[in-house]
Amino acid sequence: MRHDPPEVAAPIGGYTHGFEVRPGRRLLFVSGQIPERNDGTVPETFEEQCHVVWDNVAAILVSAGMTLADIVKVTTFLTDTGQADANSRIRRERLGDLRPALTVLVVRTLDPKWLLEIEAIAAQEPSSAPA
């Protein structure tokens, strides 16, 4: 359940201020995903790296019987404020109308070729759980 009270400035950029997870839902915590493909390669451009990271997040969700639609919280670590617009655009492309709680930080990554890292929390109704 989303929480965007009128007493707080409206969120911009495709997120919600608070996302409530009701008792009984399955939770999945996705560790920070880097822009490295399964073969060890890392794309050069920020946009390509962003897509690889979202592909990695999606694959982890699928392994748990979930989808991107189950995400309730995203934390994105960028290496440059100039990446913010492309990051927002790609996140909205991948998540559609979903508006999870969101934090975006500018940091230095462990490997200088990684231009971003994304971690997520997903929640799913127990009846949706895989058998």
N, C-alpha and C. Protein backbone atom coordinates (compact mmCIF):
# COMPACT_ATOMS: atom_id res chain seq x y z
N MET A 1 0.85 -1.17 0.00
CA MET A 1 0.00 0.00 0.00
C MET A 1 0.90 1.24 0.00
N ARG A 2 0.61 2.13 -0.92
CA ARG A 2 1.40 3.37 -1.04
C ARG A 2 0.94 4.41 -0.02
N HIS A 3 1.89 5.22 0.43
CA HIS A 3 1.58 6.31 1.35
C HIS A 3 2.26 7.59 0.85
N ASP A 4 1.45 8.49 0.31
CA ASP A 4 1.91 9.80 -0.15
C ASP A 4 0.98 10.85 0.47
N PRO A 5 1.18 11.16 1.76
CA PRO A 5 0.27 12.09 2.44
C PRO A 5 0.34 13.50 1.86
N PRO A 6 -0.78 14.21 1.88
CA PRO A 6 -0.83 15.56 1.32
C PRO A 6 0.04 16.56 2.08
N GLU A 7 0.45 16.22 3.31
CA GLU A 7 1.29 17.12 4.10
C GLU A 7 2.75 17.11 3.63
N VAL A 8 3.11 16.17 2.76
CA VAL A 8 4.47 16.03 2.25
C VAL A 8 4.46 16.40 0.77
N ALA A 9 5.47 17.12 0.32
CA ALA A 9 5.55 17.50 -1.09
C ALA A 9 5.40 16.26 -1.97
N ALA A 10 4.64 16.39 -3.05
CA ALA A 10 4.39 15.26 -3.94
C ALA A 10 5.70 14.70 -4.48
N PRO A 11 5.80 13.36 -4.54
CA PRO A 11 7.02 12.76 -5.08
C PRO A 11 7.13 13.02 -6.58
N ILE A 12 8.35 13.27 -7.01
CA ILE A 12 8.59 13.43 -8.44
C ILE A 12 9.57 12.33 -8.87
N GLY A 13 9.53 11.94 -10.10
CA GLY A 13 10.50 10.97 -10.59
C GLY A 13 10.10 9.52 -10.45
N GLY A 14 8.82 9.23 -10.24
CA GLY A 14 8.36 7.85 -10.28
C GLY A 14 8.59 7.03 -9.03
N TYR A 15 8.23 7.53 -7.89
CA TYR A 15 8.33 6.77 -6.65
C TYR A 15 7.21 7.18 -5.71
N THR A 16 7.11 6.51 -4.58
CA THR A 16 6.17 6.87 -3.53
C THR A 16 6.96 7.12 -2.25
N HIS A 17 6.43 7.98 -1.39
CA HIS A 17 7.14 8.30 -0.15
C HIS A 17 7.23 7.11 0.79
N GLY A 18 6.18 6.35 0.90
CA GLY A 18 6.18 5.19 1.79
C GLY A 18 5.42 4.04 1.16
N PHE A 19 5.89 2.84 1.38
CA PHE A 19 5.22 1.65 0.84
C PHE A 19 5.06 0.67 1.98
N GLU A 20 3.82 0.41 2.37
CA GLU A 20 3.52 -0.48 3.49
C GLU A 20 3.41 -1.92 3.02
N VAL A 21 4.11 -2.81 3.73
CA VAL A 21 4.01 -4.24 3.46
C VAL A 21 3.21 -4.86 4.60
N ARG A 22 2.06 -5.38 4.27
CA ARG A 22 1.17 -5.96 5.28
C ARG A 22 1.71 -7.29 5.78
N PRO A 23 1.36 -7.67 7.02
CA PRO A 23 1.82 -8.94 7.58
C PRO A 23 1.44 -10.13 6.69
N GLY A 24 2.31 -11.13 6.69
CA GLY A 24 2.03 -12.35 5.96
C GLY A 24 2.58 -12.39 4.54
N ARG A 25 3.13 -11.27 4.07
CA ARG A 25 3.68 -11.27 2.71
C ARG A 25 5.10 -11.83 2.72
N ARG A 26 5.44 -12.51 1.63
CA ARG A 26 6.80 -12.99 1.44
C ARG A 26 7.69 -11.80 1.12
N LEU A 27 8.86 -11.75 1.70
CA LEU A 27 9.81 -10.67 1.41
C LEU A 27 11.06 -11.26 0.77
N LEU A 28 11.60 -10.54 -0.21
CA LEU A 28 12.86 -10.90 -0.84
C LEU A 28 13.74 -9.66 -0.83
N PHE A 29 14.93 -9.79 -0.29
CA PHE A 29 15.90 -8.71 -0.27
C PHE A 29 16.94 -9.00 -1.34
N VAL A 30 17.01 -8.15 -2.34
CA VAL A 30 17.94 -8.32 -3.45
C VAL A 30 19.18 -7.49 -3.16
N SER A 31 20.31 -8.16 -3.03
CA SER A 31 21.58 -7.46 -2.79
C SER A 31 21.89 -6.52 -3.93
N GLY A 32 22.75 -5.54 -3.66
CA GLY A 32 23.15 -4.60 -4.68
C GLY A 32 23.66 -5.31 -5.92
N GLN A 33 23.05 -5.03 -7.05
CA GLN A 33 23.42 -5.67 -8.31
C GLN A 33 24.29 -4.72 -9.12
N ILE A 34 25.38 -5.27 -9.61
CA ILE A 34 26.34 -4.50 -10.40
C ILE A 34 26.08 -4.73 -11.88
N PRO A 35 26.63 -3.90 -12.75
CA PRO A 35 26.37 -4.02 -14.19
C PRO A 35 27.28 -5.02 -14.89
N GLU A 36 27.41 -6.19 -14.29
CA GLU A 36 28.25 -7.23 -14.87
C GLU A 36 27.35 -8.34 -15.39
N ARG A 37 27.59 -8.73 -16.63
CA ARG A 37 26.84 -9.84 -17.23
C ARG A 37 27.37 -11.17 -16.70
N ASN A 38 26.61 -12.21 -16.96
CA ASN A 38 26.98 -13.56 -16.53
C ASN A 38 28.34 -13.98 -17.09
N ASP A 39 28.73 -13.47 -18.25
CA ASP A 39 30.02 -13.82 -18.84
C ASP A 39 31.18 -12.95 -18.33
N GLY A 40 30.88 -12.07 -17.37
CA GLY A 40 31.92 -11.23 -16.76
C GLY A 40 32.14 -9.90 -17.44
N THR A 41 31.44 -9.64 -18.55
CA THR A 41 31.63 -8.37 -19.24
C THR A 41 30.80 -7.27 -18.60
N VAL A 42 31.29 -6.05 -18.74
CA VAL A 42 30.60 -4.86 -18.23
C VAL A 42 30.47 -3.88 -19.39
N PRO A 43 29.23 -3.48 -19.73
CA PRO A 43 29.06 -2.51 -20.83
C PRO A 43 29.75 -1.19 -20.49
N GLU A 44 30.05 -0.42 -21.53
CA GLU A 44 30.74 0.85 -21.31
C GLU A 44 29.81 2.00 -20.97
N THR A 45 28.61 2.06 -21.59
CA THR A 45 27.75 3.22 -21.37
C THR A 45 26.87 3.04 -20.14
N PHE A 46 26.48 4.16 -19.56
CA PHE A 46 25.62 4.12 -18.39
C PHE A 46 24.29 3.44 -18.72
N GLU A 47 23.69 3.79 -19.85
CA GLU A 47 22.39 3.23 -20.21
C GLU A 47 22.46 1.71 -20.33
N GLU A 48 23.51 1.21 -20.99
CA GLU A 48 23.65 -0.25 -21.13
C GLU A 48 23.86 -0.89 -19.75
N GLN A 49 24.67 -0.26 -18.92
CA GLN A 49 24.89 -0.79 -17.57
C GLN A 49 23.60 -0.82 -16.78
N CYS A 50 22.81 0.21 -16.91
CA CYS A 50 21.54 0.29 -16.19
C CYS A 50 20.63 -0.88 -16.59
N HIS A 51 20.57 -1.17 -17.88
CA HIS A 51 19.74 -2.29 -18.34
C HIS A 51 20.27 -3.63 -17.82
N VAL A 52 21.58 -3.80 -17.79
CA VAL A 52 22.16 -5.05 -17.27
C VAL A 52 21.79 -5.21 -15.80
N VAL A 53 21.89 -4.14 -15.03
CA VAL A 53 21.55 -4.21 -13.61
C VAL A 53 20.09 -4.60 -13.43
N TRP A 54 19.19 -3.96 -14.18
CA TRP A 54 17.77 -4.31 -14.06
C TRP A 54 17.51 -5.74 -14.52
N ASP A 55 18.24 -6.22 -15.54
CA ASP A 55 18.13 -7.61 -15.96
C ASP A 55 18.53 -8.54 -14.82
N ASN A 56 19.61 -8.19 -14.11
CA ASN A 56 20.06 -9.00 -12.98
C ASN A 56 19.03 -9.01 -11.86
N VAL A 57 18.47 -7.85 -11.54
CA VAL A 57 17.43 -7.77 -10.50
C VAL A 57 16.24 -8.64 -10.91
N ALA A 58 15.81 -8.52 -12.16
CA ALA A 58 14.66 -9.30 -12.65
C ALA A 58 14.93 -10.80 -12.56
N ALA A 59 16.13 -11.23 -12.91
CA ALA A 59 16.47 -12.65 -12.86
C ALA A 59 16.40 -13.19 -11.43
N ILE A 60 16.86 -12.41 -10.48
CA ILE A 60 16.80 -12.83 -9.07
C ILE A 60 15.35 -12.93 -8.62
N LEU A 61 14.53 -11.96 -9.01
CA LEU A 61 13.11 -12.01 -8.66
C LEU A 61 12.46 -13.26 -9.25
N VAL A 62 12.73 -13.53 -10.52
CA VAL A 62 12.15 -14.71 -11.18
C VAL A 62 12.57 -15.98 -10.44
N SER A 63 13.82 -16.05 -9.98
CA SER A 63 14.28 -17.24 -9.27
C SER A 63 13.49 -17.47 -7.98
N ALA A 64 12.88 -16.41 -7.45
CA ALA A 64 12.06 -16.50 -6.24
C ALA A 64 10.57 -16.57 -6.57
N GLY A 65 10.23 -16.69 -7.86
CA GLY A 65 8.82 -16.73 -8.25
C GLY A 65 8.16 -15.37 -8.21
N MET A 66 8.95 -14.33 -8.36
CA MET A 66 8.43 -12.96 -8.32
C MET A 66 8.75 -12.26 -9.64
N THR A 67 8.24 -11.02 -9.76
CA THR A 67 8.52 -10.19 -10.92
C THR A 67 8.87 -8.78 -10.45
N LEU A 68 9.24 -7.95 -11.40
CA LEU A 68 9.52 -6.55 -11.07
C LEU A 68 8.31 -5.88 -10.42
N ALA A 69 7.10 -6.35 -10.72
CA ALA A 69 5.87 -5.78 -10.15
C ALA A 69 5.78 -5.98 -8.65
N ASP A 70 6.58 -6.89 -8.08
CA ASP A 70 6.55 -7.14 -6.64
C ASP A 70 7.50 -6.23 -5.85
N ILE A 71 8.26 -5.39 -6.54
CA ILE A 71 9.22 -4.52 -5.86
C ILE A 71 8.48 -3.45 -5.05
N VAL A 72 8.92 -3.27 -3.79
CA VAL A 72 8.35 -2.24 -2.92
C VAL A 72 9.37 -1.17 -2.55
N LYS A 73 10.66 -1.45 -2.74
CA LYS A 73 11.70 -0.49 -2.38
C LYS A 73 12.90 -0.69 -3.30
N VAL A 74 13.44 0.41 -3.81
CA VAL A 74 14.63 0.40 -4.64
C VAL A 74 15.63 1.41 -4.08
N THR A 75 16.88 0.98 -3.97
CA THR A 75 17.96 1.90 -3.63
C THR A 75 18.95 1.85 -4.78
N THR A 76 19.23 3.01 -5.36
CA THR A 76 20.14 3.11 -6.49
C THR A 76 21.36 3.92 -6.09
N PHE A 77 22.51 3.40 -6.43
CA PHE A 77 23.77 4.06 -6.17
C PHE A 77 24.36 4.47 -7.52
N LEU A 78 24.44 5.76 -7.77
CA LEU A 78 25.02 6.30 -9.01
C LEU A 78 26.41 6.81 -8.72
N THR A 79 27.23 6.95 -9.76
CA THR A 79 28.57 7.49 -9.57
C THR A 79 28.67 8.95 -10.00
N ASP A 80 27.58 9.50 -10.56
CA ASP A 80 27.61 10.88 -11.04
C ASP A 80 26.17 11.41 -11.07
N THR A 81 25.99 12.63 -10.60
CA THR A 81 24.64 13.22 -10.63
C THR A 81 24.11 13.36 -12.06
N GLY A 82 24.98 13.44 -13.03
CA GLY A 82 24.57 13.55 -14.42
C GLY A 82 23.86 12.31 -14.94
N GLN A 83 23.90 11.22 -14.20
CA GLN A 83 23.24 9.98 -14.60
C GLN A 83 21.79 9.91 -14.14
N ALA A 84 21.36 10.87 -13.34
CA ALA A 84 20.05 10.79 -12.71
C ALA A 84 18.90 10.72 -13.70
N ASP A 85 18.91 11.54 -14.74
CA ASP A 85 17.80 11.52 -15.69
C ASP A 85 17.70 10.19 -16.42
N ALA A 86 18.81 9.69 -16.93
CA ALA A 86 18.80 8.39 -17.63
C ALA A 86 18.38 7.28 -16.68
N ASN A 87 18.87 7.32 -15.44
CA ASN A 87 18.48 6.33 -14.45
C ASN A 87 16.98 6.34 -14.22
N SER A 88 16.41 7.52 -14.03
CA SER A 88 14.96 7.63 -13.81
C SER A 88 14.18 7.12 -15.01
N ARG A 89 14.62 7.52 -16.20
CA ARG A 89 13.91 7.10 -17.42
C ARG A 89 13.93 5.58 -17.57
N ILE A 90 15.08 4.96 -17.38
CA ILE A 90 15.18 3.51 -17.53
C ILE A 90 14.41 2.79 -16.44
N ARG A 91 14.47 3.29 -15.20
CA ARG A 91 13.69 2.68 -14.12
C ARG A 91 12.21 2.71 -14.44
N ARG A 92 11.72 3.85 -14.94
CA ARG A 92 10.29 3.94 -15.29
C ARG A 92 9.94 3.01 -16.44
N GLU A 93 10.86 2.86 -17.42
CA GLU A 93 10.63 1.92 -18.52
C GLU A 93 10.49 0.50 -17.98
N ARG A 94 11.35 0.13 -17.05
CA ARG A 94 11.36 -1.24 -16.53
C ARG A 94 10.21 -1.49 -15.56
N LEU A 95 9.84 -0.50 -14.77
CA LEU A 95 8.82 -0.70 -13.74
C LEU A 95 7.43 -0.27 -14.17
N GLY A 96 7.30 0.41 -15.29
CA GLY A 96 5.98 0.84 -15.75
C GLY A 96 5.31 1.76 -14.74
N ASP A 97 4.08 1.44 -14.38
CA ASP A 97 3.31 2.27 -13.45
C ASP A 97 3.64 2.02 -11.99
N LEU A 98 4.47 1.03 -11.71
CA LEU A 98 4.85 0.73 -10.33
C LEU A 98 5.63 1.91 -9.75
N ARG A 99 5.29 2.30 -8.55
CA ARG A 99 5.96 3.41 -7.88
C ARG A 99 6.42 2.97 -6.49
N PRO A 100 7.55 2.24 -6.41
CA PRO A 100 8.04 1.79 -5.11
C PRO A 100 8.66 2.94 -4.32
N ALA A 101 8.92 2.70 -3.04
CA ALA A 101 9.72 3.64 -2.27
C ALA A 101 11.11 3.66 -2.92
N LEU A 102 11.78 4.80 -2.85
CA LEU A 102 13.01 4.97 -3.64
C LEU A 102 14.02 5.84 -2.91
N THR A 103 15.29 5.43 -3.01
CA THR A 103 16.40 6.25 -2.57
C THR A 103 17.46 6.21 -3.67
N VAL A 104 18.02 7.37 -4.01
CA VAL A 104 19.10 7.45 -4.99
C VAL A 104 20.26 8.20 -4.33
N LEU A 105 21.43 7.59 -4.37
CA LEU A 105 22.62 8.17 -3.77
C LEU A 105 23.73 8.27 -4.81
N VAL A 106 24.62 9.23 -4.65
CA VAL A 106 25.80 9.33 -5.50
C VAL A 106 26.99 8.90 -4.64
N VAL A 107 27.70 7.87 -5.14
CA VAL A 107 28.77 7.23 -4.37
C VAL A 107 29.94 6.88 -5.29
N ARG A 108 30.96 6.31 -4.71
CA ARG A 108 32.03 5.69 -5.49
C ARG A 108 31.85 4.19 -5.36
N THR A 109 31.80 3.47 -6.48
CA THR A 109 31.62 2.02 -6.45
C THR A 109 32.96 1.33 -6.21
N LEU A 110 32.89 0.05 -5.85
CA LEU A 110 34.11 -0.70 -5.57
C LEU A 110 35.00 -0.86 -6.79
N ASP A 111 34.39 -0.92 -7.97
CA ASP A 111 35.15 -1.03 -9.21
C ASP A 111 34.80 0.19 -10.06
N PRO A 112 35.78 0.98 -10.50
CA PRO A 112 35.49 2.21 -11.24
C PRO A 112 34.74 2.01 -12.56
N LYS A 113 34.75 0.79 -13.10
CA LYS A 113 34.00 0.57 -14.35
C LYS A 113 32.51 0.42 -14.09
N TRP A 114 32.10 0.16 -12.84
CA TRP A 114 30.68 0.07 -12.49
C TRP A 114 30.15 1.48 -12.28
N LEU A 115 29.19 1.89 -13.09
CA LEU A 115 28.65 3.25 -13.00
C LEU A 115 27.42 3.34 -12.10
N LEU A 116 26.90 2.18 -11.68
CA LEU A 116 25.76 2.17 -10.76
C LEU A 116 25.65 0.81 -10.10
N GLU A 117 24.84 0.77 -9.07
CA GLU A 117 24.48 -0.47 -8.38
C GLU A 117 23.05 -0.26 -7.89
N ILE A 118 22.24 -1.31 -7.94
CA ILE A 118 20.84 -1.22 -7.50
C ILE A 118 20.53 -2.39 -6.57
N GLU A 119 19.91 -2.07 -5.43
CA GLU A 119 19.38 -3.11 -4.55
C GLU A 119 17.87 -2.91 -4.45
N ALA A 120 17.16 -3.98 -4.11
CA ALA A 120 15.70 -3.89 -4.07
C ALA A 120 15.13 -4.78 -2.98
N ILE A 121 13.92 -4.45 -2.59
CA ILE A 121 13.12 -5.29 -1.70
C ILE A 121 11.81 -5.56 -2.43
N ALA A 122 11.42 -6.83 -2.45
CA ALA A 122 10.16 -7.22 -3.09
C ALA A 122 9.27 -7.90 -2.05
N ALA A 123 7.97 -7.77 -2.23
CA ALA A 123 6.99 -8.40 -1.34
C ALA A 123 5.89 -9.00 -2.18
N GLN A 124 5.42 -10.18 -1.75
CA GLN A 124 4.42 -10.89 -2.53
C GLN A 124 3.42 -11.55 -1.60
N GLU A 125 2.16 -11.56 -2.02
CA GLU A 125 1.12 -12.26 -1.27
C GLU A 125 1.47 -13.74 -1.19
N PRO A 126 1.26 -14.39 -0.05
CA PRO A 126 1.60 -15.81 0.08
C PRO A 126 0.93 -16.70 -0.97
N SER A 127 -0.26 -16.36 -1.41
CA SER A 127 -0.96 -17.19 -2.40
C SER A 127 -0.26 -17.14 -3.75
N SER A 128 0.62 -16.14 -3.96
CA SER A 128 1.36 -16.02 -5.21
C SER A 128 2.67 -16.78 -5.18
N ALA A 129 3.01 -17.35 -4.03
CA ALA A 129 4.30 -18.01 -3.88
C ALA A 129 4.38 -19.24 -4.75
N PRO A 130 5.58 -19.54 -5.26
CA PRO A 130 5.74 -20.75 -6.06
C PRO A 130 5.56 -21.99 -5.20
N ALA A 131 5.09 -23.05 -5.80
CA ALA A 131 4.84 -24.30 -5.06
C ALA A 131 6.13 -25.02 -4.73
